Protein backbone atom coordinates (compact mmCIF):
# COMPACT_ATOMS: atom_id res chain seq x y z
CA MET A 1 19.43 -21.45 -12.97
CA ALA A 2 16.00 -19.88 -12.12
CA GLN A 3 13.73 -19.03 -15.02
CA PRO A 4 13.08 -15.27 -14.98
CA GLU A 5 9.49 -14.70 -13.55
CA ARG A 6 7.09 -13.78 -15.81
CA PHE A 7 4.32 -11.18 -15.66
CA PRO A 8 1.59 -10.20 -15.09
CA ARG A 9 1.73 -12.34 -11.86
CA ARG A 10 -1.78 -13.79 -10.77
CA LEU A 11 -3.01 -15.66 -8.13
CA PRO A 12 -4.13 -19.36 -9.13
CA ARG A 13 -7.99 -18.60 -10.17
CA THR A 14 -11.27 -20.53 -10.08
CA VAL A 15 -13.00 -17.66 -11.16
CA VAL A 16 -14.46 -17.26 -14.66
CA PRO A 17 -15.28 -13.90 -16.24
CA VAL A 18 -18.96 -12.56 -15.89
CA PRO A 19 -20.69 -10.30 -18.57
CA PRO A 20 -22.20 -7.32 -17.53
CA THR A 21 -26.33 -7.99 -17.22
CA ALA A 22 -28.98 -5.55 -17.84
CA GLU A 23 -31.07 -7.35 -14.71
CA PRO A 24 -33.53 -5.01 -12.94
CA VAL A 25 -32.34 -3.63 -9.55
CA ALA A 26 -34.93 -5.94 -8.12
CA ARG A 27 -33.16 -9.15 -8.87
CA VAL A 28 -30.37 -7.96 -6.32
CA ARG A 29 -29.84 -9.98 -3.81
CA PRO A 30 -28.05 -9.54 -0.31
CA LEU A 31 -24.80 -10.74 0.16
CA THR A 32 -24.97 -13.35 3.28
CA THR A 33 -24.26 -17.04 4.46
CA ALA A 34 -27.86 -17.83 3.81
CA THR A 35 -28.14 -16.30 -0.15
CA LEU A 36 -24.18 -17.68 -0.76
CA GLU A 37 -25.56 -20.63 -2.89
CA GLN A 38 -27.97 -18.07 -5.02
CA HIS A 39 -24.75 -15.87 -5.73
CA GLY A 40 -22.97 -19.24 -6.94
CA ALA A 41 -24.54 -18.94 -10.55
CA ARG A 42 -22.47 -15.53 -11.17
CA LEU A 43 -19.84 -15.30 -8.76
CA THR A 44 -16.98 -17.68 -7.40
CA VAL A 45 -18.45 -18.54 -3.92
CA PRO A 46 -16.43 -19.81 -1.28
CA THR A 47 -16.97 -23.58 -1.28
CA TYR A 48 -14.97 -24.61 2.01
CA ASP A 49 -16.97 -24.65 5.70
CA ARG A 50 -16.17 -21.67 7.08
CA ALA A 51 -17.06 -22.80 10.71
CA ALA A 52 -14.15 -24.50 10.22
CA LEU A 53 -11.59 -22.28 9.65
CA THR A 54 -8.83 -21.69 12.51
CA PRO A 55 -7.98 -17.77 13.06
CA ALA A 56 -4.55 -18.00 13.07
CA VAL A 57 -3.64 -14.61 11.05
CA VAL A 58 -4.75 -10.87 13.02
CA HIS A 59 -4.89 -8.09 10.18
CA LEU A 60 -4.67 -5.01 11.81
CA SER A 61 -6.47 -2.15 9.88
CA VAL A 62 -8.38 -3.46 7.06
CA GLY A 63 -8.75 -1.64 4.20
CA GLY A 64 -9.33 -1.92 0.41
CA PHE A 65 -5.94 -2.96 -0.46
CA SER A 66 -5.61 -5.91 2.12
CA ARG A 67 -8.83 -7.36 1.33
CA ALA A 68 -8.07 -7.16 -2.44
CA HIS A 69 -4.34 -8.38 -1.65
CA GLN A 70 -3.25 -10.48 1.74
CA LEU A 71 -6.85 -11.81 2.09
CA ILE A 72 -7.41 -13.05 -1.43
CA TYR A 73 -4.04 -15.09 -0.91
CA PHE A 74 -5.56 -17.01 2.36
CA ASP A 75 -9.03 -17.14 0.60
CA GLU A 76 -7.28 -19.20 -1.87
CA VAL A 77 -5.63 -21.41 0.57
CA ALA A 78 -9.00 -22.62 2.26
CA GLN A 79 -11.00 -22.44 -1.31
CA ARG A 80 -8.03 -24.71 -2.48
CA ARG A 81 -8.43 -27.03 0.51
CA ILE A 82 -4.53 -26.55 1.33
CA SER A 83 -5.56 -26.00 4.89
CA ASP A 84 -8.27 -24.72 6.82
CA GLY A 85 -5.57 -23.45 9.75
CA TRP A 86 -5.05 -19.79 8.38
CA GLY A 87 -8.32 -17.95 8.64
CA VAL A 88 -8.36 -13.83 9.46
CA VAL A 89 -9.47 -11.83 11.83
CA GLY A 90 -9.71 -8.14 10.82
CA VAL A 91 -9.45 -5.36 13.30
CA GLY A 92 -10.13 -1.91 12.35
CA LEU A 93 -8.65 1.19 14.16
CA ARG A 94 -9.94 4.70 13.15
CA ALA A 95 -13.25 4.70 11.25
CA ARG A 96 -16.32 2.06 12.22
CA THR A 97 -17.82 1.99 8.42
CA LEU A 98 -16.47 -1.45 7.30
CA GLN A 99 -17.58 -3.01 10.35
CA GLU A 100 -21.33 -1.39 9.69
CA ALA A 101 -20.78 -2.60 5.85
CA LEU A 102 -19.48 -6.06 6.85
CA ALA A 103 -21.47 -7.13 9.94
CA PRO A 104 -24.65 -7.57 7.88
CA GLN A 105 -22.99 -9.46 5.45
CA ASP A 106 -21.52 -12.23 8.14
CA ASN A 107 -17.89 -10.60 7.19
CA LEU A 108 -18.18 -11.70 3.33
CA TYR A 109 -17.51 -9.03 0.91
CA THR A 110 -16.81 -9.18 -2.98
CA VAL A 111 -13.87 -8.73 -5.00
CA VAL A 112 -14.05 -7.66 -8.37
CA GLU A 113 -10.81 -8.06 -10.64
CA ARG A 114 -10.94 -5.92 -14.16
CA SER A 115 -9.01 -5.89 -17.12
CA PRO A 116 -9.31 -4.30 -20.21
CA ASP A 117 -11.01 -8.00 -21.47
CA GLY A 118 -13.73 -7.90 -18.69
CA GLU A 119 -14.08 -8.52 -15.43
CA ARG A 120 -13.96 -11.64 -13.04
CA ALA A 121 -15.88 -11.65 -9.25
CA ARG A 122 -15.44 -13.72 -6.24
CA VAL A 123 -16.66 -13.87 -2.75
CA VAL A 124 -14.39 -13.86 -0.09
CA GLY A 125 -14.89 -15.59 2.72
CA VAL A 126 -11.90 -16.50 4.88
CA LEU A 127 -12.56 -13.36 7.14
CA THR A 128 -13.98 -15.09 9.91
CA ASP A 129 -14.37 -12.21 12.31
CA TYR A 130 -13.92 -8.19 12.67
CA LEU A 131 -13.28 -6.16 15.64
CA PHE A 132 -13.44 -2.67 15.70
CA ALA A 133 -10.73 -1.74 18.17
CA PRO A 134 -12.39 1.60 19.75
CA ASP A 135 -14.97 -0.15 20.94
CA ALA A 136 -13.65 -3.41 22.04
CA PRO A 137 -9.87 -3.09 22.91
CA GLY A 138 -10.04 -6.10 25.24
CA ALA A 139 -11.67 -8.31 22.66
CA VAL A 140 -8.63 -6.86 20.07
CA LEU A 141 -5.67 -8.00 23.07
CA ASP A 142 -7.63 -11.28 23.51
CA ARG A 143 -7.47 -12.15 20.06
CA LEU A 144 -3.98 -11.37 19.89
CA ALA A 145 -3.19 -13.30 22.82
CA ASP A 146 -4.57 -16.14 21.38
CA PRO A 147 -2.46 -19.33 20.82
CA ARG A 148 -3.98 -19.89 17.77
CA THR A 149 -3.17 -16.70 16.46
CA ARG A 150 0.24 -17.29 14.60
CA VAL A 151 0.82 -14.19 12.03
CA VAL A 152 -0.25 -10.61 12.63
CA THR A 153 -0.21 -8.54 9.01
CA MET A 154 -0.64 -5.17 8.99
CA THR A 155 -1.62 -2.12 6.72
CA ILE A 156 -1.25 1.08 8.87
CA THR A 157 0.58 3.47 6.18
CA ASP A 158 4.01 4.69 6.30
CA ALA A 159 3.41 7.45 8.39
CA GLY A 160 1.93 4.99 11.00
CA TYR A 161 5.23 3.85 12.41
CA LEU A 162 6.52 6.67 14.46
CA LEU A 163 9.97 6.40 13.22
CA ASP A 164 12.31 9.40 12.77
CA PRO A 165 13.25 9.95 9.67
CA ALA A 166 17.16 10.04 10.24
CA THR A 167 17.83 7.85 13.25
CA ARG A 168 14.81 5.25 12.48
CA ALA A 169 14.09 5.59 16.42
CA PHE A 170 10.67 4.97 17.76
CA THR A 171 9.37 8.53 18.55
CA PRO A 172 6.26 8.47 20.85
CA ASP A 173 3.22 10.93 20.41
CA ASP A 174 -0.02 11.36 22.43
CA ASP A 175 -1.81 7.97 21.86
CA VAL A 176 1.34 6.05 22.53
CA ARG A 177 1.73 7.84 25.82
CA HIS A 178 -2.06 6.74 26.43
CA ASP A 179 -1.11 3.15 25.84
CA LEU A 180 2.00 3.78 28.20
CA ALA A 181 -0.33 4.18 30.81
CA HIS A 182 -3.29 2.43 30.18
CA PRO A 183 -1.60 -0.62 28.49
CA GLY A 184 -5.31 -2.91 28.64
CA ALA A 185 -7.35 -0.02 26.86
CA PRO A 186 -4.94 0.62 24.14
CA ARG A 187 -5.28 2.93 20.74
CA THR A 188 -2.31 2.64 18.46
CA VAL A 189 -0.85 -0.64 16.57
CA PHE A 190 1.87 -1.16 18.89
CA GLY A 191 0.18 -0.73 22.19
CA PHE A 192 -2.11 -3.62 21.18
CA LEU A 193 0.95 -5.94 20.03
CA VAL A 194 3.24 -5.04 22.87
CA GLU A 195 0.47 -5.91 25.31
CA ALA A 196 -0.44 -8.93 23.46
CA LEU A 197 3.08 -9.88 23.40
CA ASP A 198 3.42 -9.88 27.19
CA ARG A 199 0.52 -11.85 28.00
CA ARG A 200 1.77 -14.34 25.49
CA ARG A 201 5.43 -13.93 27.62
CA ARG A 202 3.51 -14.13 30.58
CA ALA A 203 1.33 -17.17 29.41
CA GLY A 204 4.31 -19.09 28.19
CA THR A 205 2.88 -18.82 24.76
CA ALA A 206 5.14 -18.58 22.09
CA PRO A 207 4.74 -15.19 19.93
CA PHE A 208 3.41 -14.45 16.85
CA THR A 209 5.21 -13.47 13.49
CA VAL A 210 4.41 -9.71 12.90
CA VAL A 211 4.23 -9.29 8.86
CA SER A 212 4.29 -5.42 7.95
CA CYS A 213 2.42 -5.05 4.28
CA ASP A 214 3.27 -1.49 4.06
CA ASN A 215 5.17 0.67 1.25
CA LEU A 216 8.32 1.54 3.16
CA HIS A 217 12.04 0.50 3.37
CA ARG A 218 12.79 -2.22 5.10
CA ASN A 219 9.21 -2.73 6.50
CA GLY A 220 9.86 -5.65 8.65
CA ASP A 221 13.17 -3.61 10.10
CA ALA A 222 10.67 -0.54 10.36
CA THR A 223 7.97 -2.66 12.63
CA ARG A 224 10.75 -4.49 14.62
CA ALA A 225 12.37 -0.44 15.49
CA ALA A 226 8.55 0.37 16.35
CA VAL A 227 7.77 -2.35 18.16
CA VAL A 228 10.58 -2.95 20.52
CA GLY A 229 10.89 0.92 20.90
CA PHE A 230 7.85 1.21 22.39
CA ALA A 231 8.22 -2.06 24.50
CA ALA A 232 11.51 -0.55 25.87
CA LEU A 233 9.37 2.37 27.14
CA ARG A 234 7.87 0.08 28.91
CA ASP A 235 9.87 -2.89 29.84
CA GLU A 236 13.41 -3.76 28.73
CA VAL A 237 13.12 -7.09 30.06
CA LEU A 238 9.95 -7.51 27.39
CA ALA A 239 11.77 -5.25 24.71
CA ARG A 240 14.69 -7.88 25.04
CA TRP A 241 12.17 -10.75 25.13
CA ILE A 242 10.64 -9.33 21.78
CA ALA A 243 13.84 -8.67 20.18
CA ASP A 244 15.10 -12.04 20.72
CA ARG A 245 11.72 -14.08 20.13
CA VAL A 246 9.37 -12.38 17.61
CA ALA A 247 10.15 -12.53 13.81
CA PHE A 248 9.52 -9.41 12.04
CA PRO A 249 9.97 -10.28 8.14
CA SER A 250 10.13 -8.00 5.42
CA SER A 251 7.62 -8.05 3.10
CA MET A 252 6.88 -6.40 -0.58
CA VAL A 253 2.93 -6.37 -1.69
CA ASP A 254 2.16 -4.89 -5.06
CA ARG A 255 -1.78 -4.83 -6.45
CA ILE A 256 -3.32 -1.48 -7.57
CA THR A 257 -6.67 -0.75 -5.35
CA PRO A 258 -8.57 2.55 -6.17
CA GLN A 259 -11.14 3.45 -3.38
CA THR A 260 -14.74 1.62 -4.36
CA THR A 261 -16.80 4.58 -4.97
CA PRO A 262 -20.79 4.70 -4.73
CA GLU A 263 -21.02 4.29 -8.51
CA GLU A 264 -18.76 1.42 -8.25
CA ARG A 265 -21.19 -0.35 -6.06
CA ALA A 266 -24.09 0.13 -8.12
CA ALA A 267 -21.89 -1.15 -10.97
CA VAL A 268 -21.22 -4.32 -9.01
CA ALA A 269 -25.02 -4.72 -7.98
CA ARG A 270 -25.89 -4.28 -11.84
CA ARG A 271 -23.59 -6.64 -12.88
CA HIS A 272 -23.72 -9.09 -10.47
CA ARG A 273 -26.83 -8.88 -8.72
CA VAL A 274 -25.14 -8.52 -5.45
CA ASP A 275 -26.22 -6.27 -2.81
CA ASP A 276 -22.65 -5.73 -1.44
CA ARG A 277 -22.29 -2.36 1.05
CA TRP A 278 -18.69 -2.56 0.23
CA PRO A 279 -16.71 -4.37 -2.89
CA VAL A 280 -13.13 -3.99 -3.68
CA ILE A 281 -12.28 -3.28 -7.34
CA THR A 282 -8.90 -4.07 -8.55
CA GLU A 283 -6.29 -5.22 -11.37
CA PRO A 284 -5.45 -8.80 -12.59
CA PHE A 285 -1.65 -8.37 -11.04
CA SER A 286 -0.76 -8.98 -7.84
CA GLN A 287 2.27 -10.02 -6.44
CA TRP A 288 3.44 -10.75 -2.82
CA VAL A 289 6.83 -11.44 -1.25
CA ILE A 290 8.11 -12.24 2.09
CA GLU A 291 11.07 -12.97 3.91
CA ASP A 292 11.08 -16.41 5.05
CA THR A 293 11.29 -15.88 8.91
CA PHE A 294 8.72 -16.92 10.91
CA CYS A 295 8.66 -17.98 14.77
CA ASN A 296 5.45 -19.83 14.82
CA GLY A 297 4.70 -21.99 11.95
CA ARG A 298 4.45 -20.32 8.22
CA PRO A 299 1.44 -20.43 6.30
CA PRO A 300 1.65 -22.45 3.01
CA LEU A 301 1.09 -19.09 1.02
CA ASP A 302 3.71 -20.43 -1.43
CA GLU A 303 1.19 -22.85 -2.60
CA VAL A 304 -0.95 -19.94 -3.89
CA GLY A 305 1.41 -17.39 -5.45
CA VAL A 306 3.49 -16.00 -2.99
CA ARG A 307 7.49 -15.66 -2.88
CA PHE A 308 9.12 -16.82 -0.15
CA VAL A 309 12.60 -15.09 -0.53
CA ARG A 310 16.00 -14.88 2.05
CA ASP A 311 15.96 -11.47 1.24
CA VAL A 312 13.24 -8.98 -0.19
CA THR A 313 15.32 -6.09 -0.39
CA ALA A 314 15.68 -6.24 -4.39
CA HIS A 315 12.01 -6.91 -4.91
CA GLU A 316 11.57 -3.66 -2.23
CA LEU A 317 13.55 -1.30 -4.19
CA MET A 318 12.31 -2.61 -7.89
CA LYS A 319 8.21 -1.83 -6.62
CA THR A 320 8.94 1.22 -4.52
CA ARG A 321 11.54 2.89 -6.86
CA LEU A 322 9.74 1.88 -10.28
CA LEU A 323 5.95 1.60 -9.14
CA ASN A 324 5.48 3.68 -6.44
CA ALA A 325 8.37 6.53 -7.73
CA SER A 326 6.20 6.73 -11.11
CA HIS A 327 3.12 6.76 -9.31
CA SER A 328 3.58 9.70 -7.81
CA ALA A 329 5.70 11.72 -10.74
CA LEU A 330 2.91 11.03 -12.68
CA GLY A 331 0.06 12.01 -10.46
CA TYR A 332 1.47 15.67 -9.67
CA LEU A 333 2.80 16.55 -13.18
CA GLY A 334 -0.41 14.89 -14.56
CA THR A 335 -2.48 16.78 -12.33
CA LEU A 336 -0.82 19.99 -12.76
CA ALA A 337 -1.50 19.38 -16.71
CA GLY A 338 -5.36 18.94 -16.16
CA HIS A 339 -5.28 15.16 -16.34
CA GLU A 340 -7.63 13.08 -13.50
CA ARG A 341 -7.20 9.47 -14.14
CA ILE A 342 -3.67 7.54 -15.14
CA ASP A 343 -5.16 5.35 -17.41
CA VAL A 344 -6.21 8.45 -19.64
CA LEU A 345 -2.75 10.26 -18.83
CA MET A 346 -1.35 6.99 -20.14
CA GLY A 347 -2.74 7.94 -23.25
CA ASP A 348 -1.08 10.75 -23.28
CA PRO A 349 2.57 10.12 -25.69
CA LEU A 350 3.96 12.84 -23.74
CA PHE A 351 3.77 11.42 -20.53
CA ALA A 352 3.76 7.77 -21.57
CA ALA A 353 7.18 8.70 -23.14
CA TYR A 354 8.19 10.71 -20.02
CA VAL A 355 7.53 7.97 -17.39
CA THR A 356 9.14 5.24 -19.87
CA ARG A 357 12.72 7.26 -19.90
CA LEU A 358 12.20 8.14 -15.89
CA MET A 359 12.32 4.18 -15.16
CA ASP A 360 14.70 3.41 -18.00
CA ASP A 361 17.39 6.39 -17.72
CA GLU A 362 17.32 7.18 -14.13
CA VAL A 363 16.02 4.55 -12.01
CA THR A 364 16.69 1.05 -13.64
CA PRO A 365 20.51 1.96 -13.56
CA LEU A 366 20.16 2.05 -9.52
CA ILE A 367 18.71 -0.59 -8.44
CA PRO A 368 19.45 -4.25 -8.22
CA VAL A 369 17.83 -6.59 -10.42
CA PRO A 370 15.95 -9.55 -8.29
CA GLU A 371 16.82 -13.22 -8.37
CA GLY A 372 14.41 -14.58 -11.38
CA ILE A 373 13.11 -11.23 -12.28
CA ASP A 374 13.02 -9.99 -16.17
CA LEU A 375 13.63 -6.27 -15.25
CA ALA A 376 12.33 -4.96 -19.15
CA GLU A 377 9.21 -7.28 -18.83
CA TYR A 378 8.41 -6.23 -15.36
CA LYS A 379 8.34 -2.32 -16.80
CA ALA A 380 6.89 -3.24 -19.68
CA THR A 381 3.78 -4.68 -17.22
CA LEU A 382 3.72 -1.26 -15.05
CA LEU A 383 2.82 0.55 -18.29
CA GLN A 384 0.27 -2.03 -19.43
CA ARG A 385 -1.02 -1.55 -15.45
CA PHE A 386 -1.08 2.24 -15.83
CA ALA A 387 -2.94 2.06 -18.76
CA ASN A 388 -5.72 -0.58 -17.47
CA PRO A 389 -9.16 1.86 -18.54
CA ALA A 390 -10.93 -1.14 -16.48
CA ILE A 391 -9.43 0.30 -13.32
CA ALA A 392 -9.42 4.24 -13.99
CA ASP A 393 -7.38 5.14 -11.21
CA ARG A 394 -7.50 8.53 -10.44
CA LEU A 395 -4.31 10.75 -9.93
CA SER A 396 -5.93 12.14 -6.62
CA ARG A 397 -5.27 8.92 -4.90
CA LEU A 398 -1.76 9.03 -6.01
CA CYS A 399 -0.89 12.51 -4.86
CA ARG A 400 -1.89 11.77 -1.31
CA ARG A 401 0.97 11.72 1.73
CA GLY A 402 3.58 13.22 -0.58
CA SER A 403 5.64 13.87 2.49
CA THR A 404 5.83 10.45 3.70
CA LYS A 405 6.08 8.64 0.17
CA LEU A 406 8.05 11.03 -1.71
CA PRO A 407 11.36 10.14 1.11
CA HIS A 408 10.88 6.47 0.54
CA HIS A 409 10.21 6.06 -3.12
CA LEU A 410 11.38 8.60 -5.19
CA LEU A 411 13.91 10.73 -3.13
CA PRO A 412 16.40 7.54 -2.66
CA SER A 413 16.84 7.30 -6.30
CA LEU A 414 17.58 11.40 -6.69
CA ARG A 415 19.71 11.36 -3.76
CA GLN A 416 21.70 8.09 -5.02
CA ALA A 417 22.05 9.94 -8.78
CA LEU A 418 23.19 12.95 -7.64
CA ALA A 419 25.82 10.84 -5.48
CA GLU A 420 27.14 9.12 -8.18
CA GLY A 421 26.88 11.66 -11.02
CA ARG A 422 24.20 9.92 -12.90
CA PRO A 423 21.37 11.49 -15.07
CA HIS A 424 18.52 12.74 -12.44
CA ALA A 425 16.67 15.44 -14.50
CA LEU A 426 13.51 13.57 -14.82
CA LEU A 427 13.60 12.83 -11.23
CA THR A 428 14.19 16.77 -10.34
CA LEU A 429 11.08 17.03 -12.74
CA ALA A 430 9.26 14.71 -10.56
CA LEU A 431 10.05 16.73 -7.60
CA ALA A 432 9.50 19.73 -8.98
CA GLY A 433 5.86 18.61 -9.58
CA TRP A 434 5.30 18.03 -5.95
CA VAL A 435 6.74 21.20 -4.95
CA GLN A 436 4.43 23.27 -7.65
CA TYR A 437 1.45 20.85 -6.61
CA LEU A 438 1.91 22.22 -3.08
CA GLN A 439 1.76 25.96 -4.47
CA ARG A 440 -1.87 25.60 -6.23
CA VAL A 441 -4.16 28.05 -5.16
CA ASP A 442 -7.51 29.20 -5.90
CA ASP A 443 -8.96 32.04 -7.27
CA ASP A 444 -8.87 34.07 -4.86
CA GLY A 445 -5.04 32.53 -3.65
CA ARG A 446 -5.76 30.31 -1.40
CA PRO A 447 -4.36 27.10 -1.13
CA LEU A 448 -6.11 24.19 -2.56
CA PRO A 449 -6.59 21.07 -0.16
CA VAL A 450 -3.17 19.03 0.10
CA GLU A 451 -4.41 15.09 1.17
CA ASP A 452 -1.59 15.07 3.65
CA ASP A 453 -1.30 15.20 7.54
CA ARG A 454 2.14 17.86 6.50
CA GLY A 455 0.19 19.50 4.12
CA PRO A 456 -0.40 22.93 5.47
CA HIS A 457 3.01 23.58 6.85
CA LEU A 458 4.95 22.31 3.35
CA GLN A 459 2.47 24.23 1.53
CA ALA A 460 3.36 27.41 3.20
CA LEU A 461 6.81 26.48 2.56
CA ALA A 462 6.41 26.11 -0.56
CA LEU A 463 4.64 29.10 -0.92
CA ALA A 464 6.95 31.21 0.85
CA GLY A 465 9.78 30.36 -1.54
CA GLY A 466 7.86 30.13 -4.99
CA THR A 467 10.51 29.16 -7.37
CA ASP A 468 12.90 29.45 -4.75
CA PRO A 469 12.75 25.82 -3.33
CA ARG A 470 15.18 26.36 -0.26
CA PRO A 471 12.55 27.03 2.35
CA LEU A 472 11.41 23.64 1.83
CA LEU A 473 14.27 22.00 1.16
CA ALA A 474 15.16 23.06 4.76
CA GLU A 475 12.65 20.89 6.00
CA GLU A 476 15.24 17.90 6.70
CA SER A 477 12.37 15.44 8.28
CA VAL A 478 11.42 14.78 4.71
CA PHE A 479 14.22 16.02 2.73
CA GLY A 480 17.14 14.65 4.32
CA ASP A 481 20.63 16.61 3.49
CA LEU A 482 19.41 16.75 -0.22
CA GLY A 483 18.91 20.63 0.28
CA SER A 484 22.69 20.68 1.02
CA VAL A 485 23.74 19.27 -2.34
CA PRO A 486 26.02 21.94 -3.80
CA GLY A 487 24.15 22.99 -7.07
CA PHE A 488 21.16 20.96 -6.33
CA ALA A 489 18.84 23.64 -4.97
CA ASP A 490 19.73 26.02 -7.66
CA GLU A 491 19.09 22.62 -10.00
CA LEU A 492 15.80 22.50 -8.78
CA ALA A 493 15.04 26.15 -8.86
CA GLY A 494 15.55 26.05 -12.97
CA VAL A 495 13.20 23.45 -13.08
CA LEU A 496 10.44 25.41 -10.97
CA ARG A 497 11.12 28.73 -13.06
CA ARG A 498 10.67 26.57 -16.60
CA LEU A 499 7.54 25.16 -15.00
CA GLU A 500 6.04 28.45 -14.30
CA ARG A 501 7.17 29.90 -17.60
CA ASP A 502 6.65 27.59 -20.03
CA GLY A 503 4.12 25.01 -18.48
CA VAL A 504 4.05 21.66 -17.47
CA ARG A 505 3.65 20.14 -20.82
CA ALA A 506 6.66 22.03 -22.72
CA THR A 507 8.81 21.32 -19.50
CA VAL A 508 8.03 17.38 -19.46
CA ALA A 509 8.24 17.69 -23.51
CA ALA A 510 11.94 19.03 -23.03
CA ALA A 511 13.07 16.94 -20.28
CA THR A 512 11.88 13.87 -22.11
CA ARG A 513 13.83 14.87 -25.28
CA ALA A 514 16.63 16.08 -23.72
CA SER A 515 17.01 12.38 -21.37
CA ALA A 516 16.73 10.48 -24.93
CA ARG A 517 19.76 12.15 -26.22
């Protein structure tokens, strides 16, 4: 019988703690291939031959998370001399800022892992090239069609899949219609993937595996639906070939990675004497679980901590319903209570008790326990990670894109609890926190900015309803049939009235006490 997995989950490390330093800024050196040896005394630097790496992986939409997560695993494969066959090519889709940062650094960058005990820093060298798609769509297609490319990974956020929330059918937008008309100069992820797969099909080249690393239910199935759906709009024969030949394993990814601020960049320069235009700050914990379904060779990621499984569903539900839903609940309620950082919020006994009860009493009974996982230990580790002062994750980050996060992370538990007649007061309070967050206005009564593509529309609905959530609940693209569940709208309205009358702290305290009885 498999032993329960122990937490925190860390990558194999060759890095060592590096103490802060008060060295003068004049001693800071740029980060390039030529300066790696100079940085080796203070940082872990690549000791493998970067020029010998085979560019077998393309990552679409490189951001802070992918640089702190997926690329670290591939870098460890190279650093430990397991294989030089899995170099990574990055592709940017929207903003050129990362290309401008990485190009002068020969695509090197620094990852700083922070815990309450100190920090570790390493330079990642596995990124062999970086392409900005709007400038060079042909070069991106050439790279994807290259027979050496065997795996494509992607982080495009849950809203980027263009799937109807009810039917999961692919719903083309203007950019997709452009790509259908101009297949050689695509704008979208799916335009690039389908055109490259068509070129491989026509050339008799094996397809690549596509691995989604986004936080949405069955992300492999979502990717398959989007890619095949796009292809079907273009060529039914191509769509059938993709459906039959391309592997789309679902995966679960987990590592808290806040946005790097200018102040953090300056701190990295002071402490490690490295002038990195865009370092990444992250936590010690890292986890990646992938379904063992590949169509063109499987990278040896299992040798550096990745877990390959037959079905990732239980791991995904554990992570999204415990970590991601808790993040959303704490983000909205904590912000309404005046907090700005999650570590400070977790130092508040009221909110620490609330999220513990939320996970233990209302979410845990709804999810299957993944094989080999000690769920009690996993939840204890989550609380430690949330409270990590060295990361100081801002609640504003957790509040982004609520219209796509809540339907995937929090509402499924709430809907299931209602259907099964289980306790759900704390889940309902989390949803009420989002509704009240949408209703926030400035001193002149104007809605405050909400970082959500659908923010203005949802804010208008929330403000129109006040303590009556029915106008907002009628938005089926977000809530599905939740608004028609007998008695739920009244229940949510009661919580909204208590929030308005008693305030956030008193309402959270009362709900948490009632849950503990």
